[in-house]
Amino acid sequence: MNAGSGVEDLLPRVTADRLDTYEALLAALAEGEVWMLLWHGRPGDPDAQYGAVEVNGHGYAPCVTSEHELRASGWTRDYEVVSGRDIAAALYPDHWGLWLNPHAPGGGLGVPWLDLRRIAGGLDRLPAGPLRISEPSISADAFYEQLALHAQRTPVLRSLRRAWVQPALGPAYLVIGLDVDEPGERSAEAVRQMMRQALPAVPEGLAVGTVAMADAYDPVAMWLRANTRPFYDRDAPAGAVPPQHPGALRQHGYGYPRPY
């Protein structure tokens, strides 16, 4: 299956106010294939390199979405056909996006690396951006107290942070940032147990998610590292972690590159 008809049907309909259409395009891209344009080398060569474009300081690898679009582009160098999910996994760790059909009228569309990360990891598992992230204003003191209490009994856990996340699509939710000594299944199970013990104190109707502070690519973890202090810190002297009051931190709209 190629990205072809699904992506090409959706591309002209993607606008800033139609995020549902953009999500449908990402889903079609995840299940399809793209024709990656090689600037140097041949497919499979160790020194082969994709093309590159830069928009507003962000790098993108150009591609086309079908054989028809390849012919229309006039591209005369080599290319390789790659699944959308595989190319997403290859590009996002280096903060590279994917530019669809740059030859098309209007210049095509750029998919930023954060959305490639979502394609690689599962669109249903990671929230749709751009995300609006801020300090929580909802009252959940009993939940925070239970988290801190059970964190003291979880030796692998170093600290806990919190954020309020509003995805581009879907309801807002509370995120707990988890900083552990050594990421791995043993630490993950210990943290899951801690969360299960504290969840009965969550206010009714409040959705809660978690994020690993060690995740260098997660926008919520990035925001937490840059903008917050822990509300629980294993290594801080007793009483040295003051509470953060709602609104003390600025709201933040995560900087996805704009589509062009």
Protein backbone atom coordinates (compact mmCIF):
# COMPACT_ATOMS: atom_id res chain seq x y z
CA MET A 1 0.00 0.00 0.00
CA ASN A 2 1.32 3.50 -0.76
CA ALA A 3 0.47 6.75 0.94
CA GLY A 4 -1.07 7.64 -2.44
CA SER A 5 -4.78 8.18 -2.54
CA GLY A 6 -5.35 8.69 1.21
CA VAL A 7 -2.64 11.29 1.73
CA GLU A 8 -3.14 12.94 -1.65
CA ASP A 9 -6.88 13.28 -1.11
CA LEU A 10 -6.32 14.81 2.31
CA LEU A 11 -3.40 17.12 1.57
CA PRO A 12 -5.43 19.89 -0.14
CA ARG A 13 -7.95 19.84 2.72
CA VAL A 14 -5.46 20.36 5.57
CA THR A 15 -5.87 23.84 7.07
CA ALA A 16 -5.01 25.36 10.43
CA ASP A 17 -8.61 24.99 11.61
CA ARG A 18 -9.04 21.39 10.44
CA LEU A 19 -6.86 19.42 12.84
CA ASP A 20 -9.11 16.39 12.39
CA THR A 21 -8.14 16.34 8.70
CA TYR A 22 -4.47 16.61 9.62
CA GLU A 23 -4.87 13.68 12.05
CA ALA A 24 -6.46 11.64 9.27
CA LEU A 25 -3.50 12.49 7.03
CA LEU A 26 -1.05 11.31 9.72
CA ALA A 27 -2.99 8.04 10.01
CA ALA A 28 -2.86 7.52 6.24
CA LEU A 29 0.86 8.28 6.25
CA ALA A 30 1.45 5.80 9.08
CA GLU A 31 -0.18 2.99 7.10
CA GLY A 32 1.32 3.87 3.73
CA GLU A 33 4.60 4.34 1.91
CA VAL A 34 6.49 7.36 0.62
CA TRP A 35 9.09 7.87 -2.11
CA MET A 36 12.15 9.36 -0.39
CA LEU A 37 14.27 11.54 -2.68
CA LEU A 38 17.99 10.69 -2.54
CA TRP A 39 20.35 13.62 -3.00
CA HIS A 40 23.43 11.37 -2.97
CA GLY A 41 23.92 7.65 -3.58
CA ARG A 42 21.62 4.79 -4.38
CA PRO A 43 19.11 2.90 -2.23
CA GLY A 44 20.94 0.70 0.26
CA ASP A 45 24.30 2.47 -0.11
CA PRO A 46 25.88 3.29 3.27
CA ASP A 47 26.64 6.84 2.08
CA ALA A 48 23.20 7.50 0.55
CA GLN A 49 21.64 10.75 1.75
CA TYR A 50 18.12 12.08 1.57
CA GLY A 51 17.45 15.56 0.29
CA ALA A 52 16.96 18.38 2.78
CA VAL A 53 14.90 21.54 3.04
CA GLU A 54 14.83 24.08 5.86
CA VAL A 55 11.79 26.09 6.91
CA ASN A 56 12.01 28.60 9.77
CA GLY A 57 15.11 26.86 11.10
CA HIS A 58 13.56 23.37 11.06
CA GLY A 59 14.96 20.62 8.85
CA TYR A 60 12.79 18.37 6.68
CA ALA A 61 13.52 15.47 4.31
CA PRO A 62 11.48 15.85 1.09
CA CYS A 63 9.44 12.99 -0.35
CA VAL A 64 6.61 12.32 -2.78
CA THR A 65 3.53 10.27 -2.08
CA SER A 66 3.14 8.12 -5.22
CA GLU A 67 4.74 7.17 -8.53
CA HIS A 68 2.45 9.69 -10.18
CA GLU A 69 3.78 12.47 -7.96
CA LEU A 70 7.35 11.27 -8.55
CA ARG A 71 6.87 11.75 -12.30
CA ALA A 72 5.19 15.10 -11.75
CA SER A 73 8.10 16.30 -9.58
CA GLY A 74 10.63 15.91 -12.37
CA TRP A 75 13.09 14.25 -9.94
CA THR A 76 15.96 12.70 -11.92
CA ARG A 77 18.11 11.24 -9.13
CA ASP A 78 17.53 8.03 -7.24
CA TYR A 79 14.84 7.43 -4.66
CA GLU A 80 13.72 4.68 -2.31
CA VAL A 81 10.28 3.57 -1.19
CA VAL A 82 9.91 3.43 2.59
CA SER A 83 6.94 2.80 4.86
CA GLY A 84 5.60 5.89 6.58
CA ARG A 85 6.15 4.39 10.02
CA ASP A 86 9.76 3.39 9.23
CA ILE A 87 10.76 6.78 7.85
CA ALA A 88 9.11 8.48 10.84
CA ALA A 89 11.17 6.34 13.23
CA ALA A 90 14.35 7.10 11.26
CA LEU A 91 13.91 10.89 11.10
CA TYR A 92 12.43 12.08 14.39
CA PRO A 93 15.37 11.19 16.73
CA ASP A 94 17.50 13.75 14.85
CA HIS A 95 14.66 16.31 14.96
CA TRP A 96 14.00 16.02 11.22
CA GLY A 97 10.52 16.33 9.78
CA LEU A 98 9.10 15.03 6.50
CA TRP A 99 8.02 17.32 3.66
CA LEU A 100 5.29 15.91 1.42
CA ASN A 101 5.23 16.77 -2.30
CA PRO A 102 7.33 19.97 -2.24
CA HIS A 103 6.78 20.32 -6.01
CA ALA A 104 3.00 20.59 -5.64
CA PRO A 105 1.13 23.91 -6.01
CA GLY A 106 1.54 25.79 -2.76
CA GLY A 107 4.75 23.92 -1.88
CA GLY A 108 3.32 20.79 -0.29
CA LEU A 109 3.09 20.19 3.46
CA GLY A 110 5.66 19.73 6.23
CA VAL A 111 5.10 17.13 8.97
CA PRO A 112 7.25 18.18 11.97
CA TRP A 113 9.39 15.70 13.85
CA LEU A 114 7.06 15.70 16.87
CA ASP A 115 4.29 14.29 14.69
CA LEU A 116 6.70 11.78 13.14
CA ARG A 117 7.38 10.64 16.71
CA ARG A 118 3.64 10.12 17.14
CA ILE A 119 3.49 8.09 13.92
CA ALA A 120 6.43 5.94 15.04
CA GLY A 121 5.09 5.43 18.57
CA GLY A 122 1.38 5.17 17.76
CA LEU A 123 -1.05 8.02 17.10
CA ASP A 124 -3.43 6.60 19.68
CA ARG A 125 -0.74 6.56 22.37
CA LEU A 126 0.63 10.12 22.09
CA PRO A 127 -1.49 13.30 22.27
CA ALA A 128 -2.17 15.43 19.21
CA GLY A 129 -0.22 18.68 19.08
CA PRO A 130 0.36 21.49 19.22
CA LEU A 131 0.02 21.04 22.98
CA ARG A 132 -0.79 23.79 25.43
CA ILE A 133 1.07 23.06 28.64
CA SER A 134 0.80 24.90 31.95
CA GLU A 135 0.97 24.46 35.70
CA PRO A 136 -2.21 22.67 36.93
CA SER A 137 -4.86 24.95 38.41
CA ILE A 138 -7.22 22.13 39.41
CA SER A 139 -7.26 21.23 43.10
CA ALA A 140 -5.79 17.76 43.64
CA ASP A 141 -3.83 18.17 46.88
CA ALA A 142 -4.88 14.80 48.31
CA PHE A 143 -3.62 13.06 45.17
CA TYR A 144 -0.27 14.88 45.32
CA GLU A 145 0.07 13.99 48.99
CA GLN A 146 -0.60 10.32 48.27
CA LEU A 147 1.90 10.36 45.41
CA ALA A 148 4.58 11.88 47.65
CA LEU A 149 3.80 9.38 50.42
CA HIS A 150 4.08 6.34 48.16
CA ALA A 151 7.07 7.84 46.34
CA GLN A 152 8.99 7.69 49.62
CA ARG A 153 8.42 3.91 49.56
CA THR A 154 9.57 3.60 45.93
CA PRO A 155 13.40 3.64 46.06
CA VAL A 156 13.88 3.86 42.26
CA LEU A 157 11.98 7.17 42.08
CA ARG A 158 13.98 10.39 42.35
CA SER A 159 11.33 13.05 41.85
CA LEU A 160 7.80 13.91 40.70
CA ARG A 161 6.63 16.91 38.66
CA ARG A 162 3.24 17.94 37.30
CA ALA A 163 1.71 19.73 34.32
CA TRP A 164 -1.67 20.44 32.78
CA VAL A 165 -1.85 19.42 29.12
CA GLN A 166 -4.44 20.50 26.56
CA PRO A 167 -4.00 18.52 23.30
CA ALA A 168 -5.07 19.97 19.98
CA LEU A 169 -7.80 17.29 19.91
CA GLY A 170 -9.40 15.73 22.96
CA PRO A 171 -9.86 16.72 26.62
CA ALA A 172 -7.18 18.23 28.86
CA TYR A 173 -5.54 16.06 31.49
CA LEU A 174 -3.06 16.10 34.38
CA VAL A 175 0.42 14.70 33.69
CA ILE A 176 2.81 13.42 36.34
CA GLY A 177 6.48 13.52 35.34
CA LEU A 178 8.41 10.54 36.69
CA ASP A 179 12.18 10.73 37.22
CA VAL A 180 13.73 7.33 38.03
CA ASP A 181 17.29 6.18 38.68
CA GLU A 182 17.51 3.60 35.91
CA PRO A 183 14.83 3.26 33.23
CA GLY A 184 13.79 -0.34 32.69
CA GLU A 185 11.02 -2.82 33.39
CA ARG A 186 11.85 -3.13 37.09
CA SER A 187 11.61 0.64 37.58
CA ALA A 188 8.50 0.84 35.39
CA GLU A 189 6.68 -1.78 37.47
CA ALA A 190 7.63 -0.06 40.73
CA VAL A 191 6.29 3.25 39.40
CA ARG A 192 3.10 1.61 38.10
CA GLN A 193 2.53 0.18 41.59
CA MET A 194 3.05 3.61 43.15
CA MET A 195 0.55 5.19 40.74
CA ARG A 196 -2.04 2.46 41.43
CA GLN A 197 -1.76 3.12 45.17
CA ALA A 198 -2.29 6.87 44.74
CA LEU A 199 -5.04 6.81 42.09
CA PRO A 200 -7.95 6.42 44.55
CA ALA A 201 -7.21 10.00 45.68
CA VAL A 202 -7.68 11.43 42.15
CA PRO A 203 -10.65 13.85 42.04
CA GLU A 204 -13.64 12.40 40.25
CA GLY A 205 -13.58 13.00 36.51
CA LEU A 206 -9.91 14.03 36.38
CA ALA A 207 -7.86 12.22 33.70
CA VAL A 208 -4.26 11.49 34.66
CA GLY A 209 -1.30 10.47 32.51
CA THR A 210 2.40 9.99 33.14
CA VAL A 211 5.57 10.85 31.27
CA ALA A 212 9.15 9.67 31.77
CA MET A 213 11.41 12.62 32.53
CA ALA A 214 14.23 10.73 30.79
CA ASP A 215 12.37 10.90 27.45
CA ALA A 216 14.42 13.42 25.48
CA TYR A 217 11.77 13.68 22.74
CA ASP A 218 8.54 14.09 24.68
CA PRO A 219 7.30 17.72 24.58
CA VAL A 220 5.69 17.46 28.03
CA ALA A 221 8.88 16.11 29.60
CA MET A 222 10.82 18.88 27.83
CA TRP A 223 8.47 21.51 29.26
CA LEU A 224 8.63 20.01 32.76
CA ARG A 225 12.43 20.02 32.76
CA ALA A 226 12.56 23.66 31.60
CA ASN A 227 9.72 25.18 33.63
CA THR A 228 9.01 23.32 36.86
CA ARG A 229 10.46 22.17 40.14
CA PRO A 230 9.57 18.79 41.66
CA PHE A 231 6.72 18.63 44.15
CA TYR A 232 8.47 15.53 45.48
CA ASP A 233 12.27 15.28 45.52
CA ARG A 234 13.91 12.29 47.18
CA ASP A 235 17.26 14.05 47.55
CA ALA A 236 16.00 17.41 48.84
CA PRO A 237 16.27 18.23 52.54
CA ALA A 238 13.00 17.86 54.43
CA GLY A 239 10.72 20.81 53.69
CA ALA A 240 12.98 22.13 50.93
CA VAL A 241 10.46 21.61 48.10
CA PRO A 242 7.89 24.42 48.44
CA PRO A 243 4.47 23.98 46.85
CA GLN A 244 3.96 25.63 43.47
CA HIS A 245 0.86 27.74 43.29
CA PRO A 246 -1.47 27.53 40.29
CA GLY A 247 -0.60 30.16 37.73
CA ALA A 248 2.95 30.64 39.06
CA LEU A 249 4.36 29.44 35.76
CA ARG A 250 3.61 30.88 32.36
CA GLN A 251 1.42 28.96 29.96
CA HIS A 252 3.25 27.49 27.02
CA GLY A 253 2.16 26.62 23.51
CA TYR A 254 4.61 24.04 22.26
CA GLY A 255 6.41 25.31 19.17
CA TYR A 256 5.44 23.02 16.31
CA PRO A 257 6.62 24.42 12.97
CA ARG A 258 3.67 25.80 11.04
CA PRO A 259 2.59 23.90 7.91
CA TYR A 260 3.23 25.59 4.58
